[in-house]
Every structure is written in C-alpha cells, then in structure tokens.
Amino acid sequence: MEHAIRSGRVAVDGRTVTTLGVRIDPETQEVRLDGKLVEPNREPGTVIALHKPPRVLTTTHDPHGRPTVLHLLPPALRRERLYPVGRLDFASEGLVLLTNDGELAFQLMHPRFGHEREYVVTVRGPEPADLARRLTEGVDIGDRRPARALRATRVRDGWRLVLTEGRKRQVRRMFEAVGMRVTRLQRVRIGAVVLGDLAPGAARQLATDELLALRREIARASDSPNSDGSDPRG
C-alpha cells in the first residue's frame, strides 16, 4: 500500500495522495484505489495467542510437510483464515499472535511502531562482565547497524531481554556475537499480551482488555515522532 500511495494510485475525496501518513476519517471521506472505492472493514478481527513449542514453523504452510502453528489450532479457528504476526524461529518457543486483521498485523510488525517483545534466554559459554551494557548499547551481528536490546536483565538461568525490533534470529545472533550460545529461547510477551501459563501447543482468543491495550499502544505509537515511516531504532 505504501508503494501504491507513492505511485499515485490512491485518491481521497477525488484528490490523488502521494504522501505517506495522511490521516482521514473513514466515516466521512471517500478513498479509492485505482479508481475503485475502498470500503472499511466493519467486522472486528480475531486475534489468537498461541504457545508455540520448539520445532514448529511460524508460517501457514510448509512444502516439506513440517508442522506449522496452524496445525496447533482447533478446526473452528483454522477456518478463520488466521496468519501469524511476525516470526519465531523453528527452534524457539513461546508466544505467537495470529490474526485475520491485516491492519493490526501490519502495525504490530512494522519497526516504526516499536512494540516491545520480551524473551527469556538460556545461554552457555563464558559470560563477559559487561554483557548487559553491550547488549543494550549494541553488538555487531553482521548487519548494516548494531543490534540492541531495550533492556537486558540477568536472571537465574540466563537473561531476560526486551527488544523493539525483530531481525532474523536476532537474539541468538546477539549472544553469538559475544561468544555465547543460546540453548533455549522463549518469547514471553508481545506488547501488552503475555504468555502467562498458557501450555505449550495451546491457544486462546485475546480478552477484550488485551485487545484494547494493544490498540492503545498502536495509537500512542502512531502519534509518536517516529510514526512517519522512519525506523525508530536508528
């Protein structure tokens, strides 16, 4: 959609819009894409919290027949056409959100909104004395910019990290960069939604208060200085 806007394919009240971040009132203004009227979706989307076990793919289909997060859902939920919000790698476990609300999924995944993701990590190897500082100031994982944790706290069996970005295998690569190996990685929170005591392989629909909290976070992020499409991670 951002490409469509930049290409001049979107019009609001008959005027072409090419600037991202323009706000409209969908109740009173007319939006057209390639000349066709765009109607707002009036039906609230479904959002599911799932406890992904290790060795399950965070995708809707695997050509090699490996189990995916959709295989863990009861048949009634599979018919909802749900898809995972972001990824959690094959060996990792913990909280995954699934939804059929495309706008909510976009806002939760896009780095400009800076939603927190919290992980509990068990590691092996010699631990640098200044590891918390290095993790929060940034370590080189081979990308064009360092990877940083918003917070890094030592816990009994390892570390608790809070991130606002989700690069491929980021947590594992951060510890590998300081000479340590992750032996277990569990995501325990996405924004306002916590894993809690949800059993491995189990799923539940988000409660109303959780959905409201998620949408409040999105609204705050949309009003922040970084909501113009820039990456808040620098």
Protein backbone atom coordinates (compact mmCIF):
# COMPACT_ATOMS: atom_id res chain seq x y z
CA MET A 1 0.00 0.00 0.00
CA GLU A 2 2.87 2.41 0.67
CA HIS A 3 4.10 1.71 -2.88
CA ALA A 4 0.57 2.30 -4.23
CA ILE A 5 0.38 5.66 -2.44
CA ARG A 6 3.79 6.78 -3.69
CA SER A 7 2.76 5.71 -7.22
CA GLY A 8 -0.28 7.98 -7.17
CA ARG A 9 -2.82 5.16 -7.25
CA VAL A 10 -4.72 6.34 -4.16
CA ALA A 11 -7.22 9.20 -4.09
CA VAL A 12 -9.05 10.75 -1.13
CA ASP A 13 -12.22 12.70 -1.93
CA GLY A 14 -11.16 12.81 -5.58
CA ARG A 15 -7.64 14.16 -4.93
CA THR A 16 -4.57 11.99 -5.51
CA VAL A 17 -2.48 11.41 -2.39
CA THR A 18 1.25 10.64 -2.68
CA THR A 19 2.40 11.47 0.88
CA LEU A 20 2.53 8.69 3.48
CA GLY A 21 0.93 9.26 6.87
CA VAL A 22 -2.03 11.37 5.69
CA ARG A 23 -4.90 10.93 8.13
CA ILE A 24 -8.51 10.59 7.07
CA ASP A 25 -11.92 9.98 8.60
CA PRO A 26 -13.20 6.75 7.00
CA GLU A 27 -16.75 7.62 8.08
CA THR A 28 -16.92 10.83 6.07
CA GLN A 29 -14.20 10.66 3.39
CA GLU A 30 -14.06 8.60 0.20
CA VAL A 31 -10.94 6.54 -0.59
CA ARG A 32 -10.30 4.98 -3.99
CA LEU A 33 -7.51 2.63 -5.14
CA ASP A 34 -7.03 2.56 -8.91
CA GLY A 35 -10.40 4.28 -9.19
CA LYS A 36 -12.25 1.63 -7.17
CA LEU A 37 -13.99 2.58 -3.94
CA VAL A 38 -12.34 1.15 -0.80
CA GLU A 39 -14.82 0.19 1.91
CA PRO A 40 -13.60 -0.04 5.53
CA ASN A 41 -13.85 -3.45 7.14
CA ARG A 42 -16.60 -3.21 9.75
CA GLU A 43 -16.01 -6.65 11.25
CA PRO A 44 -13.55 -6.80 14.18
CA GLY A 45 -10.71 -9.19 13.51
CA THR A 46 -9.87 -12.28 15.53
CA VAL A 47 -6.59 -12.32 17.47
CA ILE A 48 -5.25 -15.55 18.98
CA ALA A 49 -2.40 -16.07 21.44
CA LEU A 50 -0.57 -19.35 20.86
CA HIS A 51 2.23 -21.05 22.80
CA LYS A 52 4.49 -22.33 20.02
CA PRO A 53 6.61 -25.33 21.02
CA PRO A 54 10.08 -25.87 19.53
CA ARG A 55 10.29 -27.48 16.07
CA VAL A 56 7.07 -25.90 14.83
CA LEU A 57 7.15 -23.40 11.95
CA THR A 58 5.65 -19.93 12.32
CA THR A 59 4.00 -19.96 8.93
CA THR A 60 0.74 -21.05 7.34
CA HIS A 61 2.19 -23.76 5.08
CA ASP A 62 5.37 -25.78 4.69
CA PRO A 63 6.06 -27.53 1.37
CA HIS A 64 8.10 -30.17 3.23
CA GLY A 65 5.17 -31.14 5.44
CA ARG A 66 6.62 -29.97 8.74
CA PRO A 67 4.12 -28.89 11.44
CA THR A 68 3.10 -25.22 11.45
CA VAL A 69 1.38 -23.07 14.04
CA LEU A 70 -1.92 -23.57 12.19
CA HIS A 71 -1.74 -27.31 12.90
CA LEU A 72 -1.98 -26.50 16.61
CA LEU A 73 -5.30 -24.69 16.27
CA PRO A 74 -8.69 -26.39 16.67
CA PRO A 75 -10.63 -26.83 13.39
CA ALA A 76 -13.01 -23.94 14.14
CA LEU A 77 -10.11 -21.48 14.41
CA ARG A 78 -8.40 -22.83 11.28
CA ARG A 79 -11.46 -21.73 9.32
CA GLU A 80 -10.88 -18.12 10.44
CA ARG A 81 -8.07 -17.70 7.85
CA LEU A 82 -5.59 -16.67 10.52
CA TYR A 83 -1.93 -15.97 9.85
CA PRO A 84 0.98 -15.37 12.25
CA VAL A 85 2.11 -11.86 13.16
CA GLY A 86 5.86 -11.94 12.53
CA ARG A 87 8.10 -14.95 13.07
CA LEU A 88 9.54 -17.06 15.85
CA ASP A 89 12.30 -19.34 14.61
CA PHE A 90 11.97 -23.12 14.32
CA ALA A 91 13.99 -23.96 17.45
CA SER A 92 12.45 -21.24 19.64
CA GLU A 93 9.26 -21.39 21.68
CA GLY A 94 6.76 -19.09 23.28
CA LEU A 95 4.15 -16.51 22.40
CA VAL A 96 2.93 -16.11 18.81
CA LEU A 97 -0.04 -13.95 17.83
CA LEU A 98 -2.27 -14.98 14.92
CA THR A 99 -4.92 -12.77 13.37
CA ASN A 100 -7.08 -12.12 10.33
CA ASP A 101 -6.87 -8.36 10.95
CA GLY A 102 -4.37 -7.16 8.35
CA GLU A 103 -4.09 -3.62 9.69
CA LEU A 104 -3.41 -4.80 13.23
CA ALA A 105 -0.79 -7.27 11.97
CA PHE A 106 0.98 -4.55 9.99
CA GLN A 107 1.06 -2.19 12.96
CA LEU A 108 2.42 -4.88 15.27
CA MET A 109 5.16 -5.95 12.83
CA HIS A 110 6.36 -2.64 11.40
CA PRO A 111 9.50 -1.41 13.22
CA ARG A 112 8.35 2.21 13.23
CA PHE A 113 5.75 1.37 15.89
CA GLY A 114 8.40 -0.02 18.25
CA HIS A 115 6.29 -2.64 20.02
CA GLU A 116 8.16 -4.47 22.78
CA ARG A 117 8.93 -8.18 22.56
CA GLU A 118 10.26 -9.88 25.67
CA TYR A 119 12.39 -13.04 25.71
CA VAL A 120 13.81 -15.33 28.39
CA VAL A 121 17.08 -16.85 27.15
CA THR A 122 19.26 -19.68 28.49
CA VAL A 123 22.86 -19.47 27.32
CA ARG A 124 26.17 -21.32 27.55
CA GLY A 125 29.75 -20.10 27.36
CA PRO A 126 31.97 -17.59 29.15
CA GLU A 127 29.96 -14.52 30.01
CA PRO A 128 31.55 -11.07 29.53
CA ALA A 129 31.48 -8.96 32.68
CA ASP A 130 29.87 -6.04 30.85
CA LEU A 131 27.33 -8.12 28.93
CA ALA A 132 24.24 -6.10 29.93
CA ARG A 133 25.88 -2.89 28.73
CA ARG A 134 26.99 -4.45 25.46
CA LEU A 135 23.54 -5.87 24.73
CA THR A 136 21.83 -2.52 25.32
CA GLU A 137 24.46 -0.35 23.62
CA GLY A 138 24.53 -2.64 20.58
CA VAL A 139 26.54 -5.56 19.21
CA ASP A 140 27.65 -6.21 15.65
CA ILE A 141 25.69 -9.16 14.21
CA GLY A 142 26.84 -8.61 10.64
CA ASP A 143 24.01 -6.28 9.58
CA ARG A 144 24.40 -2.70 8.47
CA ARG A 145 23.79 -1.47 12.01
CA PRO A 146 24.28 -2.93 15.51
CA ALA A 147 21.51 -4.92 17.22
CA ARG A 148 20.36 -3.52 20.55
CA ALA A 149 18.15 -4.64 23.40
CA LEU A 150 15.96 -2.03 25.05
CA ARG A 151 16.58 -3.76 28.39
CA ALA A 152 18.80 -6.71 29.40
CA THR A 153 18.46 -8.24 32.86
CA ARG A 154 20.36 -11.17 34.38
CA VAL A 155 18.05 -13.90 35.69
CA ARG A 156 18.76 -17.20 37.40
CA ASP A 157 19.23 -19.36 34.30
CA GLY A 158 20.21 -16.74 31.77
CA TRP A 159 18.92 -13.40 30.53
CA ARG A 160 15.65 -11.54 30.05
CA LEU A 161 15.74 -9.28 27.01
CA VAL A 162 13.25 -6.69 25.77
CA LEU A 163 13.55 -5.75 22.08
CA THR A 164 11.63 -3.39 19.81
CA GLU A 165 12.83 -4.97 16.57
CA GLY A 166 12.74 -8.45 15.09
CA ARG A 167 15.58 -9.23 12.72
CA LYS A 168 16.10 -12.83 11.66
CA ARG A 169 17.46 -14.90 14.61
CA GLN A 170 18.38 -11.62 16.28
CA VAL A 171 18.60 -12.77 19.89
CA ARG A 172 20.67 -15.82 19.02
CA ARG A 173 22.99 -13.75 16.83
CA MET A 174 23.47 -11.14 19.56
CA PHE A 175 24.72 -13.77 22.01
CA GLU A 176 26.83 -15.47 19.33
CA ALA A 177 28.48 -12.10 18.71
CA VAL A 178 29.75 -12.03 22.32
CA GLY A 179 30.92 -15.67 22.28
CA MET A 180 27.90 -17.37 23.85
CA ARG A 181 25.41 -19.93 22.58
CA VAL A 182 21.65 -19.88 23.18
CA THR A 183 20.34 -23.26 24.35
CA ARG A 184 16.74 -22.18 24.94
CA LEU A 185 14.81 -19.13 23.79
CA GLN A 186 11.25 -18.37 24.86
CA ARG A 187 9.21 -15.32 23.93
CA VAL A 188 7.04 -14.38 26.91
CA ARG A 189 5.44 -11.10 25.81
CA ILE A 190 4.39 -9.12 22.73
CA GLY A 191 3.34 -5.60 23.68
CA ALA A 192 0.52 -5.85 26.22
CA VAL A 193 -0.02 -9.60 25.66
CA VAL A 194 1.83 -12.03 27.96
CA LEU A 195 2.34 -15.77 27.55
CA GLY A 196 1.47 -16.44 31.19
CA ASP A 197 0.59 -20.06 31.99
CA LEU A 198 -0.62 -20.96 28.50
CA ALA A 199 0.53 -24.55 27.93
CA PRO A 200 2.82 -25.46 25.00
CA GLY A 201 0.70 -26.07 21.91
CA ALA A 202 -2.35 -24.37 23.43
CA ALA A 203 -4.14 -21.33 22.04
CA ARG A 204 -6.64 -18.80 23.36
CA GLN A 205 -8.52 -15.83 21.97
CA LEU A 206 -7.40 -12.48 23.35
CA ALA A 207 -9.61 -10.98 26.02
CA THR A 208 -11.27 -7.62 25.36
CA ASP A 209 -8.93 -5.79 27.75
CA GLU A 210 -5.87 -7.22 25.96
CA LEU A 211 -7.18 -6.08 22.56
CA LEU A 212 -7.93 -2.62 23.94
CA ALA A 213 -4.43 -2.40 25.44
CA LEU A 214 -2.87 -3.42 22.11
CA ARG A 215 -4.86 -0.80 20.23
CA ARG A 216 -3.94 1.88 22.79
CA GLU A 217 -0.26 1.02 22.25
CA ILE A 218 -0.75 1.33 18.49
CA ALA A 219 -2.50 4.67 18.87
CA ARG A 220 0.33 6.03 21.06
CA ALA A 221 2.95 4.80 18.58
CA SER A 222 1.05 6.39 15.68
CA ASP A 223 1.18 9.74 17.45
CA SER A 224 4.91 9.48 18.22
CA PRO A 225 7.59 11.42 16.27
CA ASN A 226 8.72 8.17 14.60
CA SER A 227 5.31 7.29 13.12
CA ASP A 228 6.10 8.94 9.78
CA GLY A 229 7.69 5.78 8.42
CA SER A 230 11.19 6.25 9.82
CA ASP A 231 12.80 3.44 11.76
CA PRO A 232 12.89 4.28 15.50
CA ARG A 233 15.89 2.02 16.02
CA GLY A 234 18.29 4.38 14.31
